[in-house]
N, C-alpha and C. Protein backbone atom coordinates (compact mmCIF):
# COMPACT_ATOMS: atom_id res chain seq x y z
N MET A 1 -4.11 4.25 -3.82
CA MET A 1 -5.18 3.78 -4.69
C MET A 1 -5.68 4.93 -5.54
N ALA A 2 -5.66 6.14 -5.01
CA ALA A 2 -6.18 7.27 -5.76
C ALA A 2 -5.30 7.59 -6.97
N GLY A 3 -3.99 7.41 -6.85
CA GLY A 3 -3.09 7.67 -7.96
C GLY A 3 -3.22 6.65 -9.06
N PHE A 4 -3.78 5.50 -8.74
CA PHE A 4 -3.99 4.44 -9.72
C PHE A 4 -4.91 4.90 -10.84
N LEU A 5 -5.87 5.74 -10.52
CA LEU A 5 -6.85 6.16 -11.51
C LEU A 5 -6.46 7.44 -12.25
N ASP A 6 -5.26 7.97 -12.00
CA ASP A 6 -4.82 9.20 -12.67
C ASP A 6 -4.71 9.03 -14.19
N ASN A 7 -4.15 7.91 -14.62
CA ASN A 7 -3.90 7.71 -16.04
C ASN A 7 -5.01 6.89 -16.72
N PHE A 8 -6.06 6.59 -16.01
CA PHE A 8 -7.16 5.82 -16.58
C PHE A 8 -8.10 6.75 -17.32
N ARG A 9 -8.40 6.43 -18.54
CA ARG A 9 -9.29 7.26 -19.34
C ARG A 9 -10.71 6.74 -19.19
N TRP A 10 -11.55 7.55 -18.57
CA TRP A 10 -12.94 7.18 -18.35
C TRP A 10 -13.73 7.34 -19.65
N PRO A 11 -14.78 6.57 -19.82
CA PRO A 11 -15.63 6.76 -21.01
C PRO A 11 -16.25 8.15 -21.01
N GLU A 12 -16.36 8.71 -22.18
CA GLU A 12 -16.92 10.05 -22.31
C GLU A 12 -18.43 10.01 -22.07
N CYS A 13 -18.86 10.74 -21.06
CA CYS A 13 -20.27 10.83 -20.74
C CYS A 13 -20.51 12.25 -20.25
N GLU A 14 -21.46 12.91 -20.86
CA GLU A 14 -21.70 14.31 -20.53
C GLU A 14 -22.42 14.48 -19.19
N CYS A 15 -23.11 13.46 -18.72
CA CYS A 15 -23.90 13.62 -17.51
C CYS A 15 -23.08 13.44 -16.23
N ILE A 16 -21.91 12.79 -16.29
CA ILE A 16 -21.09 12.54 -15.09
C ILE A 16 -19.69 13.05 -15.34
N ASP A 17 -19.17 13.83 -14.40
CA ASP A 17 -17.79 14.30 -14.47
C ASP A 17 -16.93 13.34 -13.64
N TRP A 18 -16.28 12.36 -14.30
CA TRP A 18 -15.52 11.34 -13.60
C TRP A 18 -14.27 11.89 -12.94
N SER A 19 -13.72 12.97 -13.45
CA SER A 19 -12.49 13.50 -12.86
C SER A 19 -12.70 13.98 -11.44
N GLU A 20 -13.90 14.43 -11.12
CA GLU A 20 -14.20 14.87 -9.76
C GLU A 20 -14.52 13.70 -8.84
N ARG A 21 -14.82 12.55 -9.39
CA ARG A 21 -15.25 11.40 -8.59
C ARG A 21 -14.18 10.33 -8.47
N ARG A 22 -12.97 10.63 -8.83
CA ARG A 22 -11.88 9.65 -8.82
C ARG A 22 -11.64 9.09 -7.43
N ASN A 23 -11.53 9.94 -6.42
CA ASN A 23 -11.28 9.48 -5.06
C ASN A 23 -12.47 8.72 -4.50
N ALA A 24 -13.66 9.13 -4.85
CA ALA A 24 -14.84 8.41 -4.38
C ALA A 24 -14.90 7.00 -4.96
N VAL A 25 -14.58 6.87 -6.23
CA VAL A 25 -14.59 5.55 -6.86
C VAL A 25 -13.50 4.67 -6.24
N ALA A 26 -12.32 5.22 -6.01
CA ALA A 26 -11.23 4.46 -5.39
C ALA A 26 -11.61 4.03 -3.98
N SER A 27 -12.28 4.88 -3.23
CA SER A 27 -12.70 4.53 -1.87
C SER A 27 -13.75 3.43 -1.87
N VAL A 28 -14.68 3.49 -2.80
CA VAL A 28 -15.72 2.46 -2.89
C VAL A 28 -15.09 1.11 -3.25
N VAL A 29 -14.16 1.10 -4.20
CA VAL A 29 -13.51 -0.16 -4.59
C VAL A 29 -12.72 -0.73 -3.41
N ALA A 30 -11.99 0.12 -2.69
CA ALA A 30 -11.23 -0.35 -1.52
C ALA A 30 -12.16 -0.88 -0.44
N GLY A 31 -13.28 -0.24 -0.22
CA GLY A 31 -14.24 -0.71 0.77
C GLY A 31 -14.85 -2.04 0.40
N ILE A 32 -15.13 -2.23 -0.88
CA ILE A 32 -15.69 -3.51 -1.34
C ILE A 32 -14.68 -4.63 -1.16
N LEU A 33 -13.41 -4.37 -1.48
CA LEU A 33 -12.38 -5.39 -1.27
C LEU A 33 -12.19 -5.69 0.21
N PHE A 34 -12.24 -4.67 1.05
CA PHE A 34 -12.11 -4.84 2.50
C PHE A 34 -13.25 -5.70 3.03
N PHE A 35 -14.47 -5.39 2.63
CA PHE A 35 -15.64 -6.16 3.04
C PHE A 35 -15.55 -7.61 2.56
N THR A 36 -15.12 -7.80 1.32
CA THR A 36 -15.03 -9.14 0.76
C THR A 36 -14.02 -9.99 1.52
N GLY A 37 -12.89 -9.40 1.91
CA GLY A 37 -11.89 -10.14 2.67
C GLY A 37 -12.42 -10.63 4.00
N TRP A 38 -13.11 -9.77 4.74
CA TRP A 38 -13.66 -10.21 6.02
C TRP A 38 -14.81 -11.18 5.83
N TRP A 39 -15.58 -11.02 4.77
CA TRP A 39 -16.69 -11.95 4.51
C TRP A 39 -16.15 -13.35 4.25
N ILE A 40 -15.07 -13.44 3.51
CA ILE A 40 -14.45 -14.74 3.22
C ILE A 40 -13.94 -15.39 4.50
N MET A 41 -13.32 -14.61 5.37
CA MET A 41 -12.78 -15.17 6.61
C MET A 41 -13.89 -15.57 7.58
N ILE A 42 -14.95 -14.79 7.64
CA ILE A 42 -16.09 -15.16 8.48
C ILE A 42 -16.74 -16.43 7.97
N ASP A 43 -16.79 -16.59 6.64
CA ASP A 43 -17.34 -17.80 6.06
C ASP A 43 -16.52 -19.02 6.47
N ALA A 44 -15.20 -18.90 6.45
CA ALA A 44 -14.35 -20.02 6.87
C ALA A 44 -14.55 -20.33 8.35
N ALA A 45 -14.73 -19.31 9.18
CA ALA A 45 -14.94 -19.53 10.61
C ALA A 45 -16.28 -20.21 10.88
N VAL A 46 -17.28 -19.92 10.05
CA VAL A 46 -18.59 -20.55 10.24
C VAL A 46 -18.58 -21.99 9.73
N VAL A 47 -17.93 -22.23 8.61
CA VAL A 47 -17.90 -23.57 8.03
C VAL A 47 -17.03 -24.51 8.87
N TYR A 48 -15.93 -24.00 9.43
CA TYR A 48 -15.02 -24.80 10.25
C TYR A 48 -14.93 -24.20 11.65
N PRO A 49 -15.91 -24.47 12.52
CA PRO A 49 -15.92 -23.83 13.84
C PRO A 49 -14.95 -24.46 14.84
N LYS A 50 -14.48 -25.68 14.60
CA LYS A 50 -13.59 -26.35 15.56
C LYS A 50 -12.15 -25.86 15.40
N PRO A 51 -11.44 -25.71 16.51
CA PRO A 51 -10.03 -25.26 16.43
C PRO A 51 -9.12 -26.24 15.69
N GLU A 52 -9.51 -27.51 15.61
CA GLU A 52 -8.70 -28.48 14.86
C GLU A 52 -8.75 -28.21 13.36
N GLN A 53 -9.86 -27.65 12.90
CA GLN A 53 -10.03 -27.38 11.47
C GLN A 53 -9.50 -26.00 11.10
N LEU A 54 -9.81 -24.99 11.90
CA LEU A 54 -9.35 -23.62 11.67
C LEU A 54 -8.95 -23.05 13.02
N ASN A 55 -7.66 -22.90 13.21
CA ASN A 55 -7.16 -22.38 14.46
C ASN A 55 -7.62 -20.93 14.62
N HIS A 56 -8.17 -20.60 15.77
CA HIS A 56 -8.71 -19.25 15.97
C HIS A 56 -7.61 -18.20 16.04
N ALA A 57 -6.39 -18.60 16.28
CA ALA A 57 -5.28 -17.65 16.30
C ALA A 57 -4.96 -17.13 14.90
N PHE A 58 -5.44 -17.83 13.87
CA PHE A 58 -5.18 -17.41 12.49
C PHE A 58 -5.92 -16.12 12.13
N HIS A 59 -6.88 -15.73 12.94
CA HIS A 59 -7.59 -14.47 12.69
C HIS A 59 -6.73 -13.25 13.01
N THR A 60 -5.61 -13.47 13.68
CA THR A 60 -4.72 -12.38 14.06
C THR A 60 -4.19 -11.64 12.83
N CYS A 61 -3.91 -12.37 11.77
CA CYS A 61 -3.43 -11.73 10.53
C CYS A 61 -4.45 -10.74 9.99
N GLY A 62 -5.71 -11.12 10.00
CA GLY A 62 -6.77 -10.23 9.53
C GLY A 62 -6.93 -9.01 10.41
N VAL A 63 -6.78 -9.18 11.71
CA VAL A 63 -6.90 -8.05 12.63
C VAL A 63 -5.76 -7.06 12.41
N PHE A 64 -4.53 -7.57 12.27
CA PHE A 64 -3.40 -6.67 12.05
C PHE A 64 -3.46 -5.99 10.69
N SER A 65 -3.95 -6.70 9.68
CA SER A 65 -4.08 -6.04 8.37
C SER A 65 -5.18 -4.99 8.39
N THR A 66 -6.23 -5.19 9.18
CA THR A 66 -7.27 -4.17 9.33
C THR A 66 -6.71 -2.94 10.02
N LEU A 67 -5.92 -3.16 11.07
CA LEU A 67 -5.27 -2.05 11.76
C LEU A 67 -4.35 -1.28 10.81
N ALA A 68 -3.58 -2.02 10.00
CA ALA A 68 -2.69 -1.38 9.04
C ALA A 68 -3.47 -0.64 7.96
N PHE A 69 -4.61 -1.18 7.56
CA PHE A 69 -5.46 -0.52 6.56
C PHE A 69 -5.88 0.87 7.05
N PHE A 70 -6.29 0.95 8.31
CA PHE A 70 -6.69 2.24 8.85
C PHE A 70 -5.49 3.17 9.09
N MET A 71 -4.35 2.61 9.45
CA MET A 71 -3.16 3.43 9.65
C MET A 71 -2.70 4.06 8.33
N ILE A 72 -2.71 3.28 7.27
CA ILE A 72 -2.25 3.78 5.97
C ILE A 72 -3.22 4.83 5.44
N ASN A 73 -4.52 4.60 5.59
CA ASN A 73 -5.50 5.54 5.07
C ASN A 73 -5.64 6.79 5.93
N ALA A 74 -5.06 6.81 7.11
CA ALA A 74 -5.13 7.99 7.97
C ALA A 74 -4.14 9.08 7.55
N VAL A 75 -3.18 8.73 6.72
CA VAL A 75 -2.14 9.67 6.29
C VAL A 75 -2.41 10.07 4.85
N SER A 76 -2.50 11.36 4.60
CA SER A 76 -2.72 11.84 3.23
C SER A 76 -1.39 12.09 2.53
N ASN A 77 -1.45 12.26 1.23
CA ASN A 77 -0.25 12.56 0.46
C ASN A 77 0.36 13.89 0.87
N ALA A 78 -0.49 14.86 1.19
CA ALA A 78 0.01 16.18 1.59
C ALA A 78 0.77 16.09 2.91
N GLN A 79 0.36 15.23 3.81
CA GLN A 79 1.07 15.08 5.07
C GLN A 79 2.44 14.44 4.86
N VAL A 80 2.54 13.50 3.95
CA VAL A 80 3.82 12.85 3.69
C VAL A 80 4.78 13.82 2.99
N ARG A 81 4.26 14.61 2.05
CA ARG A 81 5.09 15.60 1.36
C ARG A 81 5.44 16.78 2.25
N GLY A 82 4.65 17.02 3.27
CA GLY A 82 4.89 18.14 4.16
C GLY A 82 4.18 19.40 3.76
N ASP A 83 3.22 19.31 2.85
CA ASP A 83 2.51 20.50 2.38
C ASP A 83 1.55 21.06 3.42
N SER A 84 0.87 20.18 4.15
CA SER A 84 -0.18 20.66 5.04
C SER A 84 0.02 20.28 6.48
N TYR A 85 1.13 19.69 6.82
CA TYR A 85 1.29 19.16 8.17
C TYR A 85 2.62 19.64 8.73
N GLU A 86 2.69 20.87 9.10
CA GLU A 86 3.93 21.43 9.64
C GLU A 86 3.96 21.42 11.16
N SER A 87 2.80 21.49 11.79
CA SER A 87 2.79 21.52 13.25
C SER A 87 2.65 20.11 13.79
N GLY A 88 2.74 19.98 15.08
CA GLY A 88 2.65 18.67 15.71
C GLY A 88 3.99 18.30 16.30
N CYS A 89 4.03 17.21 17.03
CA CYS A 89 5.27 16.86 17.71
C CYS A 89 6.34 16.33 16.75
N LEU A 90 5.95 15.69 15.66
CA LEU A 90 6.95 15.15 14.74
C LEU A 90 6.82 15.67 13.31
N GLY A 91 5.72 16.28 12.96
CA GLY A 91 5.53 16.87 11.63
C GLY A 91 5.56 15.85 10.52
N ARG A 92 6.26 16.19 9.45
CA ARG A 92 6.33 15.34 8.26
C ARG A 92 7.01 14.00 8.57
N THR A 93 8.02 14.02 9.42
CA THR A 93 8.72 12.80 9.77
C THR A 93 7.81 11.83 10.52
N GLY A 94 6.98 12.35 11.40
CA GLY A 94 6.03 11.51 12.11
C GLY A 94 5.02 10.86 11.19
N ALA A 95 4.55 11.61 10.19
CA ALA A 95 3.60 11.05 9.22
C ALA A 95 4.26 9.96 8.40
N ARG A 96 5.51 10.16 8.04
CA ARG A 96 6.22 9.13 7.27
C ARG A 96 6.49 7.88 8.09
N VAL A 97 6.84 8.06 9.35
CA VAL A 97 7.07 6.91 10.23
C VAL A 97 5.77 6.14 10.44
N TRP A 98 4.67 6.87 10.66
CA TRP A 98 3.35 6.23 10.83
C TRP A 98 2.98 5.43 9.59
N LEU A 99 3.19 5.99 8.42
CA LEU A 99 2.89 5.31 7.17
C LEU A 99 3.78 4.08 7.00
N PHE A 100 5.05 4.20 7.34
CA PHE A 100 5.99 3.08 7.22
C PHE A 100 5.58 1.93 8.14
N ILE A 101 5.19 2.25 9.37
CA ILE A 101 4.74 1.21 10.31
C ILE A 101 3.48 0.54 9.78
N GLY A 102 2.56 1.32 9.19
CA GLY A 102 1.36 0.74 8.60
C GLY A 102 1.69 -0.23 7.47
N PHE A 103 2.63 0.15 6.60
CA PHE A 103 3.03 -0.75 5.52
C PHE A 103 3.73 -1.99 6.05
N MET A 104 4.53 -1.83 7.09
CA MET A 104 5.19 -3.00 7.69
C MET A 104 4.17 -3.96 8.28
N LEU A 105 3.15 -3.43 8.95
CA LEU A 105 2.09 -4.30 9.49
C LEU A 105 1.34 -5.01 8.37
N MET A 106 1.05 -4.28 7.30
CA MET A 106 0.31 -4.87 6.19
C MET A 106 1.09 -6.00 5.52
N PHE A 107 2.35 -5.75 5.19
CA PHE A 107 3.13 -6.78 4.51
C PHE A 107 3.50 -7.91 5.47
N GLY A 108 3.68 -7.60 6.74
CA GLY A 108 3.93 -8.65 7.72
C GLY A 108 2.75 -9.59 7.86
N SER A 109 1.55 -9.04 7.86
CA SER A 109 0.38 -9.90 7.96
C SER A 109 0.16 -10.69 6.67
N LEU A 110 0.53 -10.12 5.53
CA LEU A 110 0.43 -10.86 4.27
C LEU A 110 1.41 -12.03 4.26
N ILE A 111 2.63 -11.80 4.72
CA ILE A 111 3.62 -12.87 4.79
C ILE A 111 3.19 -13.93 5.80
N ALA A 112 2.63 -13.51 6.92
CA ALA A 112 2.15 -14.47 7.92
C ALA A 112 1.00 -15.30 7.36
N SER A 113 0.13 -14.70 6.57
CA SER A 113 -0.97 -15.49 5.99
C SER A 113 -0.44 -16.50 4.97
N MET A 114 0.62 -16.16 4.25
CA MET A 114 1.23 -17.14 3.34
C MET A 114 1.85 -18.28 4.14
N TRP A 115 2.48 -17.94 5.26
CA TRP A 115 3.06 -18.97 6.11
C TRP A 115 1.98 -19.89 6.66
N ILE A 116 0.86 -19.33 7.07
CA ILE A 116 -0.26 -20.13 7.56
C ILE A 116 -0.81 -21.02 6.46
N LEU A 117 -0.97 -20.46 5.26
CA LEU A 117 -1.52 -21.24 4.15
C LEU A 117 -0.63 -22.44 3.85
N PHE A 118 0.67 -22.22 3.70
CA PHE A 118 1.55 -23.32 3.33
C PHE A 118 1.95 -24.18 4.52
N GLY A 119 2.23 -23.56 5.66
CA GLY A 119 2.68 -24.33 6.82
C GLY A 119 1.60 -25.16 7.46
N ALA A 120 0.41 -24.65 7.53
CA ALA A 120 -0.65 -25.35 8.25
C ALA A 120 -1.59 -26.13 7.34
N TYR A 121 -1.63 -25.82 6.05
CA TYR A 121 -2.62 -26.47 5.20
C TYR A 121 -2.01 -27.19 3.99
N VAL A 122 -1.16 -26.55 3.23
CA VAL A 122 -0.66 -27.16 2.00
C VAL A 122 0.27 -28.33 2.30
N THR A 123 1.18 -28.17 3.27
CA THR A 123 2.10 -29.26 3.59
C THR A 123 1.43 -30.38 4.36
N GLN A 124 0.26 -30.14 4.90
CA GLN A 124 -0.46 -31.14 5.68
C GLN A 124 -1.58 -31.80 4.88
N MET A 125 -1.53 -31.74 3.55
CA MET A 125 -2.62 -32.26 2.73
C MET A 125 -2.77 -33.78 2.82
N LEU A 126 -1.73 -34.49 3.25
CA LEU A 126 -1.85 -35.93 3.37
C LEU A 126 -2.73 -36.33 4.54
N LYS A 127 -2.83 -35.47 5.52
CA LYS A 127 -3.70 -35.74 6.66
C LYS A 127 -5.13 -35.35 6.27
N PRO A 128 -6.12 -35.88 6.97
CA PRO A 128 -7.52 -35.53 6.62
C PRO A 128 -7.87 -34.13 7.10
N ARG A 129 -7.36 -33.15 6.43
CA ARG A 129 -7.59 -31.76 6.80
C ARG A 129 -7.86 -30.99 5.52
N HIS A 130 -8.77 -30.08 5.57
CA HIS A 130 -9.14 -29.33 4.38
C HIS A 130 -8.23 -28.13 4.21
N GLY A 131 -7.99 -27.71 2.97
CA GLY A 131 -7.20 -26.52 2.69
C GLY A 131 -8.04 -25.27 2.56
N TYR A 132 -9.35 -25.41 2.67
CA TYR A 132 -10.25 -24.27 2.48
C TYR A 132 -10.00 -23.13 3.47
N PRO A 133 -9.81 -23.38 4.77
CA PRO A 133 -9.56 -22.25 5.67
C PRO A 133 -8.26 -21.52 5.36
N GLY A 134 -7.24 -22.23 4.93
CA GLY A 134 -5.97 -21.58 4.58
C GLY A 134 -6.11 -20.71 3.36
N ARG A 135 -6.85 -21.17 2.37
CA ARG A 135 -7.09 -20.34 1.18
C ARG A 135 -7.88 -19.10 1.56
N ASN A 136 -8.83 -19.23 2.48
CA ASN A 136 -9.62 -18.07 2.90
C ASN A 136 -8.77 -17.07 3.65
N GLU A 137 -7.89 -17.55 4.51
CA GLU A 137 -7.01 -16.64 5.26
C GLU A 137 -6.15 -15.84 4.29
N PHE A 138 -5.57 -16.53 3.31
CA PHE A 138 -4.71 -15.86 2.34
C PHE A 138 -5.49 -14.91 1.45
N SER A 139 -6.69 -15.31 1.02
CA SER A 139 -7.47 -14.42 0.14
C SER A 139 -8.01 -13.21 0.90
N GLN A 140 -8.23 -13.34 2.21
CA GLN A 140 -8.65 -12.19 2.98
C GLN A 140 -7.55 -11.13 2.96
N LEU A 141 -6.31 -11.54 3.16
CA LEU A 141 -5.22 -10.58 3.18
C LEU A 141 -4.91 -10.05 1.79
N CYS A 142 -5.07 -10.87 0.76
CA CYS A 142 -4.80 -10.38 -0.60
C CYS A 142 -5.84 -9.36 -1.03
N SER A 143 -7.04 -9.48 -0.53
CA SER A 143 -8.05 -8.50 -0.92
C SER A 143 -7.84 -7.16 -0.26
N LYS A 144 -7.05 -7.12 0.82
CA LYS A 144 -6.82 -5.84 1.51
C LYS A 144 -5.56 -5.13 1.03
N THR A 145 -4.64 -5.86 0.41
CA THR A 145 -3.41 -5.19 0.00
C THR A 145 -3.49 -4.66 -1.39
């Protein structure tokens, strides 16, 4: 996310040096998206408290994506490149494997949320069941990736 703002030209303002605040702005935006995703899923759980309406096992995708969010953010660019992480049991290779597992968890939970949306809600629209919880599950994961 931090590299996303490298080529963005900030408005010229003499009172704020935006180049020094790039990582802070990226962290705030990521935190807001993370909060919004969980808020949407909590809203669906409150509106549909019965397991027939929203299966409680569907929260597993959000939990795994949260775990992956922390795994990915625990590794810095310098650790992946090998600039600052030479010691340890696995060194640069361990940081890359950790990052790869985090990305696999993130994309796996995104794919699982799509499966839940279409398998449990969109294809079952003929039955008296709402699609709102499925949309919330999918939007929670989309806000984190």
